[in-house]
Amino acid sequence: MEFPKDLKYNSEHLWVKVNGDNALIGVTDYAQDQLGDVIYVDVPEQDYELEQNESFGTIESAKSVSELYAPVSGHVIRVNESLKDEPELINDEPYDSGWLLEVKLNNENELNDLMGGDEYEKYLNNQ
């Protein structure tokens, strides 16, 4: 299982990749492994306002339906449209083409609330 060091992670198993004022958000390798085969993803449309730690959608697998909780607050500027037809991208490439949303960050200080790759790995080992 991989936990790229250039990403930030929340305790709800989502990752954030910061690029200037914007950030991509996706599901961690650990989460997709626990879910099993992802069959559907429900995320908000462009222009939606995410609030840190609040539910913004769901991910459905053969095993269960899970809530998605925002790792950061932000204005949704792009949605991964590929997931509508290919939700399995989350399983196949969770840190690449399986991303969920891109947001314009509302508060960069919220990134300090997230874990680095090593911290996230320790968090998983202590669960």
Foldseek 3Di string as FASTA:
>chain_A
DDADQQWWADPQQKIWHDDPQKIWIFGHLVVCVVQDQWDDWDFDDAQDWADAQDFGTWTHHPVGIDTDGHLATFGFHDALPVCHVPVRCCNVPGPPSNIGTMGRGPDPVSSVVTHGRVVVVVVVVVD
